[in-house]
Amino acid sequence: NPEYLTTPKLQPAAFLTAKAVNSSDFPLLAGAMNVFLDGTFVATSHLRTVMAGEKFDLALGADDGISVKHQRVKRFTEETGLTNSGQRITYEYLLTIQNNKKTAARVIVADQIPVSRNEKVVVKQLSPDAKEVKPTNEGALKWTLDLKPGETRELTLKSSIDYPNDVQGTGLEP
């Protein structure tokens, strides 16, 4: 089951992974592994020892057939409160994933929204709707996209951070 994993915020690349089963009667021994995709060498990797019948994941390296972009669309700062006693910063990012391959591809996209560790600081997820993509306690978001050949999908990630003027708003920029 090949699928691609990407975290556009960290690196504009999609990494091919595959879930496999050692269907032989013998263990696969740990060691260096050369990875070939469609008959072309793409990367070297390392294989851990896999016992007979055991399921395992293979990391097969970055694939240029899936293009990934992460760009900040907007950063907006405004005063909040009746007496301008606070700040609100709104961030909006656009993630663009394109399947340039001649076959369909499943792409798992990961990103995150900020997480507040201070009760005076309030983070709101504006887009995507939290009912569609719910963040973990650490703010991690995950989309699973099934892209047809040549298909492009755009994902919008938008959040706001509200904090009073007596709190330092540091560490917000990626």
N, C-alpha and C. Protein backbone atom coordinates (compact mmCIF):
# COMPACT_ATOMS: atom_id res chain seq x y z
N ASN A 1 0.84 -1.19 0.00
CA ASN A 1 0.00 0.00 0.00
C ASN A 1 0.88 1.25 0.00
N PRO A 2 1.29 1.73 -1.17
CA PRO A 2 2.14 2.92 -1.18
C PRO A 2 1.33 4.18 -0.85
N GLU A 3 1.94 5.08 -0.09
CA GLU A 3 1.33 6.37 0.18
C GLU A 3 2.46 7.37 0.40
N TYR A 4 2.12 8.63 0.27
CA TYR A 4 3.08 9.69 0.41
C TYR A 4 2.81 10.45 1.69
N LEU A 5 3.87 10.84 2.38
CA LEU A 5 3.76 11.63 3.60
C LEU A 5 4.46 12.96 3.36
N THR A 6 3.83 14.06 3.77
CA THR A 6 4.46 15.36 3.62
C THR A 6 4.10 16.27 4.77
N THR A 7 5.05 17.09 5.16
CA THR A 7 4.84 18.16 6.12
C THR A 7 5.39 19.41 5.44
N PRO A 8 4.55 20.08 4.63
CA PRO A 8 5.03 21.19 3.80
C PRO A 8 5.71 22.31 4.58
N LYS A 9 5.29 22.53 5.82
CA LYS A 9 5.87 23.57 6.66
C LYS A 9 7.36 23.31 6.90
N LEU A 10 7.74 22.04 6.98
CA LEU A 10 9.13 21.69 7.26
C LEU A 10 9.96 21.47 6.01
N GLN A 11 9.36 20.85 4.99
CA GLN A 11 10.10 20.56 3.77
C GLN A 11 9.12 20.39 2.61
N PRO A 12 9.37 21.07 1.50
CA PRO A 12 8.46 20.97 0.34
C PRO A 12 8.70 19.71 -0.48
N ALA A 13 8.48 18.56 0.14
CA ALA A 13 8.70 17.28 -0.53
C ALA A 13 7.70 16.26 0.01
N ALA A 14 7.39 15.28 -0.83
CA ALA A 14 6.53 14.17 -0.42
C ALA A 14 7.38 12.91 -0.40
N PHE A 15 7.28 12.16 0.69
CA PHE A 15 8.10 10.97 0.87
C PHE A 15 7.24 9.73 0.68
N LEU A 16 7.68 8.86 -0.19
CA LEU A 16 6.96 7.63 -0.48
C LEU A 16 7.22 6.62 0.63
N THR A 17 6.14 6.04 1.14
CA THR A 17 6.25 4.97 2.12
C THR A 17 5.38 3.82 1.65
N ALA A 18 5.68 2.65 2.13
CA ALA A 18 4.88 1.48 1.78
C ALA A 18 4.78 0.57 3.00
N LYS A 19 3.62 0.00 3.16
CA LYS A 19 3.41 -1.01 4.21
C LYS A 19 3.61 -2.35 3.53
N ALA A 20 4.41 -3.19 4.15
CA ALA A 20 4.75 -4.48 3.54
C ALA A 20 4.68 -5.59 4.59
N VAL A 21 4.74 -6.81 4.10
CA VAL A 21 4.75 -7.99 4.96
C VAL A 21 5.89 -8.88 4.48
N ASN A 22 6.67 -9.38 5.41
CA ASN A 22 7.70 -10.35 5.05
C ASN A 22 6.99 -11.69 4.85
N SER A 23 6.69 -12.00 3.60
CA SER A 23 5.92 -13.21 3.28
C SER A 23 6.81 -14.44 3.12
N SER A 24 8.12 -14.28 3.33
CA SER A 24 9.01 -15.44 3.21
C SER A 24 9.02 -16.23 4.52
N ASP A 25 9.69 -17.35 4.51
CA ASP A 25 9.82 -18.18 5.71
C ASP A 25 11.04 -17.79 6.54
N PHE A 26 11.76 -16.76 6.09
CA PHE A 26 13.01 -16.37 6.73
C PHE A 26 12.96 -14.90 7.15
N PRO A 27 13.73 -14.54 8.16
CA PRO A 27 13.77 -13.13 8.55
C PRO A 27 14.56 -12.31 7.53
N LEU A 28 14.17 -11.05 7.40
CA LEU A 28 14.97 -10.10 6.61
C LEU A 28 15.93 -9.45 7.59
N LEU A 29 17.21 -9.51 7.29
CA LEU A 29 18.21 -9.01 8.22
C LEU A 29 18.41 -7.50 8.08
N ALA A 30 18.72 -6.87 9.19
CA ALA A 30 18.96 -5.43 9.20
C ALA A 30 20.17 -5.10 8.34
N GLY A 31 20.09 -3.95 7.67
CA GLY A 31 21.22 -3.52 6.87
C GLY A 31 20.84 -2.45 5.88
N ALA A 32 21.82 -2.05 5.09
CA ALA A 32 21.62 -1.01 4.09
C ALA A 32 20.70 -1.53 2.99
N MET A 33 19.95 -0.61 2.40
CA MET A 33 19.00 -0.99 1.37
C MET A 33 19.04 0.07 0.26
N ASN A 34 19.08 -0.36 -0.98
CA ASN A 34 18.97 0.55 -2.11
C ASN A 34 17.53 0.54 -2.59
N VAL A 35 16.99 1.74 -2.84
CA VAL A 35 15.59 1.86 -3.22
C VAL A 35 15.50 2.23 -4.69
N PHE A 36 14.70 1.46 -5.44
CA PHE A 36 14.46 1.72 -6.85
C PHE A 36 12.97 1.96 -7.04
N LEU A 37 12.61 2.98 -7.81
CA LEU A 37 11.22 3.30 -8.09
C LEU A 37 11.05 3.34 -9.59
N ASP A 38 10.18 2.51 -10.13
CA ASP A 38 9.96 2.40 -11.57
C ASP A 38 11.27 2.12 -12.30
N GLY A 39 12.12 1.29 -11.70
CA GLY A 39 13.38 0.90 -12.33
C GLY A 39 14.49 1.92 -12.20
N THR A 40 14.25 3.01 -11.47
CA THR A 40 15.25 4.06 -11.31
C THR A 40 15.67 4.14 -9.85
N PHE A 41 16.98 4.21 -9.61
CA PHE A 41 17.49 4.34 -8.25
C PHE A 41 17.06 5.70 -7.68
N VAL A 42 16.46 5.70 -6.49
CA VAL A 42 15.99 6.96 -5.89
C VAL A 42 16.64 7.28 -4.56
N ALA A 43 17.06 6.27 -3.79
CA ALA A 43 17.61 6.57 -2.48
C ALA A 43 18.25 5.34 -1.86
N THR A 44 19.00 5.58 -0.80
CA THR A 44 19.45 4.50 0.05
C THR A 44 18.70 4.63 1.37
N SER A 45 18.49 3.53 2.02
CA SER A 45 17.76 3.54 3.28
C SER A 45 18.33 2.45 4.16
N HIS A 46 17.69 2.22 5.28
CA HIS A 46 18.13 1.18 6.20
C HIS A 46 16.93 0.33 6.57
N LEU A 47 17.12 -0.96 6.58
CA LEU A 47 16.06 -1.90 6.93
C LEU A 47 16.38 -2.50 8.29
N ARG A 48 15.39 -2.51 9.18
CA ARG A 48 15.57 -3.19 10.47
C ARG A 48 15.29 -4.67 10.27
N THR A 49 15.66 -5.49 11.22
CA THR A 49 15.37 -6.91 11.13
C THR A 49 13.86 -7.13 11.18
N VAL A 50 13.35 -7.89 10.21
CA VAL A 50 11.92 -8.16 10.10
C VAL A 50 11.72 -9.67 10.10
N MET A 51 10.97 -10.15 11.07
CA MET A 51 10.75 -11.59 11.20
C MET A 51 9.74 -12.08 10.14
N ALA A 52 9.75 -13.37 9.87
CA ALA A 52 8.83 -13.97 8.89
C ALA A 52 7.38 -13.68 9.31
N GLY A 53 6.59 -13.21 8.35
CA GLY A 53 5.18 -12.89 8.59
C GLY A 53 4.93 -11.55 9.24
N GLU A 54 5.97 -10.82 9.62
CA GLU A 54 5.82 -9.54 10.30
C GLU A 54 5.52 -8.42 9.31
N LYS A 55 4.63 -7.51 9.72
CA LYS A 55 4.34 -6.31 8.93
C LYS A 55 5.37 -5.24 9.27
N PHE A 56 5.73 -4.43 8.25
CA PHE A 56 6.69 -3.36 8.49
C PHE A 56 6.47 -2.24 7.49
N ASP A 57 6.98 -1.07 7.82
CA ASP A 57 6.89 0.11 6.95
C ASP A 57 8.24 0.32 6.27
N LEU A 58 8.17 0.66 4.99
CA LEU A 58 9.38 0.98 4.23
C LEU A 58 9.38 2.46 3.89
N ALA A 59 10.47 3.14 4.20
CA ALA A 59 10.65 4.53 3.79
C ALA A 59 11.41 4.48 2.46
N LEU A 60 10.77 4.99 1.41
CA LEU A 60 11.34 4.84 0.06
C LEU A 60 11.88 6.14 -0.51
N GLY A 61 11.97 7.19 0.29
CA GLY A 61 12.59 8.44 -0.15
C GLY A 61 11.62 9.42 -0.77
N ALA A 62 12.12 10.62 -1.04
CA ALA A 62 11.32 11.69 -1.64
C ALA A 62 11.02 11.36 -3.09
N ASP A 63 9.83 11.75 -3.55
CA ASP A 63 9.41 11.52 -4.93
C ASP A 63 9.01 12.86 -5.53
N ASP A 64 9.72 13.27 -6.58
CA ASP A 64 9.43 14.55 -7.23
C ASP A 64 8.12 14.52 -8.01
N GLY A 65 7.50 13.35 -8.13
CA GLY A 65 6.23 13.24 -8.84
C GLY A 65 5.08 13.91 -8.09
N ILE A 66 5.27 14.21 -6.82
CA ILE A 66 4.28 14.94 -6.02
C ILE A 66 4.92 16.26 -5.64
N SER A 67 4.35 17.37 -6.12
CA SER A 67 4.92 18.67 -5.76
C SER A 67 4.14 19.26 -4.59
N VAL A 68 4.88 19.93 -3.71
CA VAL A 68 4.34 20.44 -2.47
C VAL A 68 4.80 21.88 -2.28
N LYS A 69 3.85 22.76 -1.93
CA LYS A 69 4.19 24.16 -1.65
C LYS A 69 3.51 24.58 -0.36
N HIS A 70 4.20 25.42 0.40
CA HIS A 70 3.66 25.98 1.65
C HIS A 70 3.96 27.48 1.61
N GLN A 71 2.92 28.29 1.61
CA GLN A 71 3.17 29.73 1.58
C GLN A 71 2.24 30.47 2.53
N ARG A 72 2.81 31.50 3.17
CA ARG A 72 1.99 32.33 4.04
C ARG A 72 1.25 33.32 3.16
N VAL A 73 -0.07 33.33 3.27
CA VAL A 73 -0.91 34.22 2.48
C VAL A 73 -1.09 35.55 3.20
N LYS A 74 -1.28 35.45 4.53
CA LYS A 74 -1.62 36.65 5.27
C LYS A 74 -1.14 36.54 6.72
N ARG A 75 -0.71 37.67 7.26
CA ARG A 75 -0.45 37.82 8.69
C ARG A 75 -1.05 39.17 9.05
N PHE A 76 -2.06 39.15 9.90
CA PHE A 76 -2.80 40.36 10.22
C PHE A 76 -2.80 40.56 11.73
N THR A 77 -2.40 41.76 12.18
CA THR A 77 -2.38 42.08 13.61
C THR A 77 -3.40 43.18 13.87
N GLU A 78 -4.15 43.01 14.97
CA GLU A 78 -5.14 44.03 15.33
C GLU A 78 -5.25 44.14 16.84
N GLU A 79 -5.71 45.31 17.29
CA GLU A 79 -5.97 45.54 18.71
C GLU A 79 -7.33 44.94 19.05
N THR A 80 -7.47 44.39 20.27
CA THR A 80 -8.75 43.82 20.70
C THR A 80 -9.14 44.43 22.04
N GLY A 81 -10.38 44.24 22.42
CA GLY A 81 -10.88 44.75 23.70
C GLY A 81 -11.43 46.16 23.55
N LEU A 82 -12.26 46.54 24.49
CA LEU A 82 -12.86 47.88 24.44
C LEU A 82 -11.84 48.99 24.58
N THR A 83 -10.79 48.74 25.34
CA THR A 83 -9.77 49.77 25.55
C THR A 83 -8.44 49.37 24.92
N ASN A 84 -8.52 48.61 23.84
CA ASN A 84 -7.32 48.12 23.15
C ASN A 84 -6.37 47.43 24.13
N SER A 85 -6.94 46.56 24.96
CA SER A 85 -6.16 45.91 26.01
C SER A 85 -5.50 44.61 25.56
N GLY A 86 -5.66 44.26 24.31
CA GLY A 86 -5.08 43.02 23.83
C GLY A 86 -4.70 43.07 22.36
N GLN A 87 -4.15 41.96 21.91
CA GLN A 87 -3.71 41.83 20.52
C GLN A 87 -4.32 40.57 19.93
N ARG A 88 -4.55 40.59 18.63
CA ARG A 88 -4.96 39.39 17.89
C ARG A 88 -4.09 39.33 16.65
N ILE A 89 -3.46 38.19 16.46
CA ILE A 89 -2.68 37.95 15.25
C ILE A 89 -3.35 36.81 14.51
N THR A 90 -3.66 37.03 13.25
CA THR A 90 -4.28 36.00 12.42
C THR A 90 -3.29 35.59 11.33
N TYR A 91 -3.08 34.29 11.24
CA TYR A 91 -2.18 33.72 10.24
C TYR A 91 -3.00 32.90 9.26
N GLU A 92 -2.67 33.02 7.97
CA GLU A 92 -3.31 32.20 6.96
C GLU A 92 -2.24 31.64 6.04
N TYR A 93 -2.27 30.32 5.86
CA TYR A 93 -1.31 29.62 5.00
C TYR A 93 -2.06 28.85 3.92
N LEU A 94 -1.42 28.72 2.77
CA LEU A 94 -1.97 27.93 1.67
C LEU A 94 -1.01 26.79 1.39
N LEU A 95 -1.53 25.56 1.47
CA LEU A 95 -0.75 24.36 1.16
C LEU A 95 -1.24 23.85 -0.19
N THR A 96 -0.34 23.68 -1.13
CA THR A 96 -0.70 23.21 -2.47
C THR A 96 0.00 21.88 -2.72
N ILE A 97 -0.79 20.86 -3.01
CA ILE A 97 -0.28 19.52 -3.27
C ILE A 97 -0.72 19.14 -4.68
N GLN A 98 0.25 18.74 -5.54
CA GLN A 98 -0.09 18.39 -6.92
C GLN A 98 0.49 17.03 -7.26
N ASN A 99 -0.35 16.18 -7.84
CA ASN A 99 0.06 14.86 -8.30
C ASN A 99 0.47 14.99 -9.77
N ASN A 100 1.76 14.94 -10.05
CA ASN A 100 2.27 15.04 -11.42
C ASN A 100 2.49 13.66 -12.04
N LYS A 101 2.04 12.63 -11.36
CA LYS A 101 2.25 11.27 -11.83
C LYS A 101 1.10 10.84 -12.75
N LYS A 102 1.30 9.72 -13.43
CA LYS A 102 0.28 9.19 -14.33
C LYS A 102 -0.64 8.21 -13.61
N THR A 103 -0.43 8.06 -12.32
CA THR A 103 -1.27 7.17 -11.51
C THR A 103 -1.81 7.96 -10.31
N ALA A 104 -2.89 7.46 -9.73
CA ALA A 104 -3.46 8.09 -8.55
C ALA A 104 -2.49 7.92 -7.37
N ALA A 105 -2.59 8.83 -6.41
CA ALA A 105 -1.69 8.76 -5.25
C ALA A 105 -2.43 9.19 -3.99
N ARG A 106 -2.18 8.48 -2.92
CA ARG A 106 -2.70 8.87 -1.61
C ARG A 106 -1.59 9.67 -0.92
N VAL A 107 -1.95 10.90 -0.51
CA VAL A 107 -0.98 11.79 0.14
C VAL A 107 -1.51 12.16 1.51
N ILE A 108 -0.71 11.94 2.53
CA ILE A 108 -1.06 12.32 3.89
C ILE A 108 -0.29 13.60 4.20
N VAL A 109 -1.05 14.67 4.45
CA VAL A 109 -0.47 16.00 4.69
C VAL A 109 -0.57 16.30 6.18
N ALA A 110 0.54 16.69 6.78
CA ALA A 110 0.56 17.03 8.20
C ALA A 110 0.99 18.48 8.37
N ASP A 111 0.35 19.15 9.30
CA ASP A 111 0.72 20.52 9.68
C ASP A 111 0.28 20.71 11.11
N GLN A 112 0.30 21.95 11.58
CA GLN A 112 -0.12 22.18 12.95
C GLN A 112 -0.59 23.61 13.13
N ILE A 113 -1.40 23.80 14.16
CA ILE A 113 -1.76 25.14 14.60
C ILE A 113 -1.06 25.37 15.93
N PRO A 114 -0.87 26.63 16.31
CA PRO A 114 -0.21 26.89 17.60
C PRO A 114 -1.03 26.33 18.76
N VAL A 115 -0.34 26.04 19.86
CA VAL A 115 -0.99 25.55 21.07
C VAL A 115 -0.59 26.48 22.20
N SER A 116 -1.58 26.92 22.96
CA SER A 116 -1.32 27.83 24.08
C SER A 116 -1.03 27.04 25.35
N ARG A 117 -0.01 27.45 26.04
CA ARG A 117 0.31 26.87 27.35
C ARG A 117 0.00 27.88 28.47
N ASN A 118 -0.67 28.98 28.10
CA ASN A 118 -1.02 30.05 29.03
C ASN A 118 -2.52 30.31 28.89
N GLU A 119 -3.25 30.30 30.01
CA GLU A 119 -4.71 30.47 29.91
C GLU A 119 -5.12 31.84 29.40
N LYS A 120 -4.22 32.83 29.45
CA LYS A 120 -4.54 34.17 28.92
C LYS A 120 -4.42 34.23 27.40
N VAL A 121 -3.77 33.26 26.82
CA VAL A 121 -3.56 33.23 25.37
C VAL A 121 -4.56 32.23 24.78
N VAL A 122 -5.37 32.72 23.84
CA VAL A 122 -6.42 31.89 23.23
C VAL A 122 -6.11 31.69 21.75
N VAL A 123 -6.03 30.43 21.34
CA VAL A 123 -5.78 30.09 19.93
C VAL A 123 -7.08 29.55 19.36
N LYS A 124 -7.48 30.07 18.19
CA LYS A 124 -8.69 29.59 17.52
C LYS A 124 -8.31 29.07 16.14
N GLN A 125 -8.82 27.90 15.82
CA GLN A 125 -8.65 27.33 14.48
C GLN A 125 -9.79 27.87 13.63
N LEU A 126 -9.48 28.65 12.61
CA LEU A 126 -10.49 29.26 11.75
C LEU A 126 -10.75 28.44 10.49
N SER A 127 -9.70 27.82 9.96
CA SER A 127 -9.85 27.00 8.77
C SER A 127 -8.71 25.97 8.77
N PRO A 128 -8.98 24.72 8.52
CA PRO A 128 -10.26 24.11 8.21
C PRO A 128 -11.15 24.05 9.45
N ASP A 129 -12.42 23.84 9.22
CA ASP A 129 -13.37 23.72 10.32
C ASP A 129 -12.92 22.56 11.23
N ALA A 130 -12.95 22.79 12.53
CA ALA A 130 -12.51 21.76 13.49
C ALA A 130 -13.35 20.50 13.41
N LYS A 131 -14.56 20.58 12.83
CA LYS A 131 -15.38 19.38 12.65
C LYS A 131 -14.82 18.50 11.52
N GLU A 132 -14.16 19.14 10.55
CA GLU A 132 -13.58 18.40 9.42
C GLU A 132 -12.22 17.82 9.76
N VAL A 133 -11.34 18.67 10.30
CA VAL A 133 -9.99 18.25 10.66
C VAL A 133 -9.74 18.72 12.08
N LYS A 134 -9.78 17.78 13.01
CA LYS A 134 -9.64 18.10 14.43
C LYS A 134 -8.17 17.98 14.84
N PRO A 135 -7.62 19.02 15.47
CA PRO A 135 -6.22 18.94 15.91
C PRO A 135 -6.06 18.04 17.14
N THR A 136 -4.88 17.48 17.29
CA THR A 136 -4.55 16.73 18.50
C THR A 136 -4.28 17.73 19.62
N ASN A 137 -4.00 17.25 20.81
CA ASN A 137 -3.68 18.14 21.93
C ASN A 137 -2.41 18.95 21.67
N GLU A 138 -1.56 18.45 20.79
CA GLU A 138 -0.32 19.16 20.44
C GLU A 138 -0.52 20.08 19.23
N GLY A 139 -1.75 20.18 18.72
CA GLY A 139 -2.05 21.06 17.60
C GLY A 139 -1.82 20.45 16.23
N ALA A 140 -1.50 19.17 16.16
CA ALA A 140 -1.22 18.52 14.87
C ALA A 140 -2.51 18.30 14.08
N LEU A 141 -2.44 18.60 12.80
CA LEU A 141 -3.56 18.39 11.88
C LEU A 141 -3.10 17.40 10.81
N LYS A 142 -4.05 16.60 10.31
CA LYS A 142 -3.70 15.63 9.27
C LYS A 142 -4.84 15.51 8.28
N TRP A 143 -4.50 15.61 7.00
CA TRP A 143 -5.44 15.39 5.90
C TRP A 143 -5.00 14.15 5.14
N THR A 144 -5.95 13.37 4.66
CA THR A 144 -5.65 12.26 3.76
C THR A 144 -6.29 12.59 2.42
N LEU A 145 -5.45 12.79 1.41
CA LEU A 145 -5.92 13.18 0.08
C LEU A 145 -5.70 12.03 -0.90
N ASP A 146 -6.73 11.70 -1.65
CA ASP A 146 -6.59 10.75 -2.75
C ASP A 146 -6.61 11.58 -4.03
N LEU A 147 -5.43 11.76 -4.63
CA LEU A 147 -5.29 12.62 -5.80
C LEU A 147 -5.26 11.80 -7.08
N LYS A 148 -6.06 12.23 -8.05
CA LYS A 148 -6.05 11.61 -9.37
C LYS A 148 -4.81 12.11 -10.12
N PRO A 149 -4.44 11.45 -11.20
CA PRO A 149 -3.30 11.92 -11.99
C PRO A 149 -3.51 13.36 -12.44
N GLY A 150 -2.52 14.21 -12.21
CA GLY A 150 -2.59 15.61 -12.61
C GLY A 150 -3.42 16.50 -11.70
N GLU A 151 -4.03 15.95 -10.67
CA GLU A 151 -4.91 16.75 -9.79
C GLU A 151 -4.09 17.60 -8.81
N THR A 152 -4.60 18.82 -8.58
CA THR A 152 -4.01 19.73 -7.61
C THR A 152 -5.05 20.01 -6.53
N ARG A 153 -4.62 20.00 -5.28
CA ARG A 153 -5.52 20.31 -4.17
C ARG A 153 -4.88 21.41 -3.34
N GLU A 154 -5.70 22.39 -2.96
CA GLU A 154 -5.24 23.48 -2.11
C GLU A 154 -5.92 23.36 -0.76
N LEU A 155 -5.13 23.47 0.31
CA LEU A 155 -5.63 23.41 1.67
C LEU A 155 -5.33 24.74 2.34
N THR A 156 -6.31 25.30 3.01
CA THR A 156 -6.11 26.56 3.72
C THR A 156 -6.01 26.26 5.21
N LEU A 157 -5.01 26.83 5.84
CA LEU A 157 -4.81 26.69 7.27
C LEU A 157 -4.80 28.10 7.85
N LYS A 158 -5.80 28.39 8.69
CA LYS A 158 -5.94 29.74 9.23
C LYS A 158 -6.23 29.64 10.72
N SER A 159 -5.51 30.43 11.51
CA SER A 159 -5.73 30.45 12.96
C SER A 159 -5.48 31.85 13.48
N SER A 160 -6.08 32.13 14.65
CA SER A 160 -5.86 33.42 15.30
C SER A 160 -5.38 33.18 16.72
N ILE A 161 -4.60 34.12 17.20
CA ILE A 161 -4.05 34.06 18.55
C ILE A 161 -4.40 35.36 19.24
N ASP A 162 -5.16 35.28 20.33
CA ASP A 162 -5.55 36.45 21.12
C ASP A 162 -4.79 36.42 22.44
N TYR A 163 -4.21 37.58 22.80
CA TYR A 163 -3.50 37.65 24.08
C TYR A 163 -3.54 39.09 24.59
N PRO A 164 -3.54 39.26 25.93
CA PRO A 164 -3.56 40.60 26.51
C PRO A 164 -2.19 41.27 26.33
N ASN A 165 -2.18 42.59 26.45
CA ASN A 165 -0.93 43.34 26.26
C ASN A 165 0.12 43.02 27.31
N ASP A 166 -0.30 42.51 28.50
CA ASP A 166 0.68 42.20 29.54
C ASP A 166 1.37 40.85 29.33
N VAL A 167 1.04 40.16 28.24
CA VAL A 167 1.68 38.87 27.91
C VAL A 167 2.54 39.08 26.67
N GLN A 168 3.78 38.58 26.73
CA GLN A 168 4.67 38.67 25.58
C GLN A 168 4.23 37.68 24.52
N GLY A 169 3.99 38.14 23.31
CA GLY A 169 3.63 37.27 22.19
C GLY A 169 4.86 36.83 21.43
N THR A 170 5.70 36.01 22.05
CA THR A 170 6.94 35.58 21.40
C THR A 170 6.81 34.13 20.94
N GLY A 171 7.64 33.77 19.98
CA GLY A 171 7.66 32.38 19.49
C GLY A 171 6.53 32.06 18.55
N LEU A 172 5.87 33.09 17.98
CA LEU A 172 4.74 32.84 17.10
C LEU A 172 5.16 32.61 15.65
N GLU A 173 6.27 33.18 15.25
CA GLU A 173 6.71 33.03 13.85
C GLU A 173 7.39 31.68 13.67
N PRO A 174 7.06 30.99 12.56
CA PRO A 174 7.69 29.69 12.31
C PRO A 174 9.16 29.81 11.99
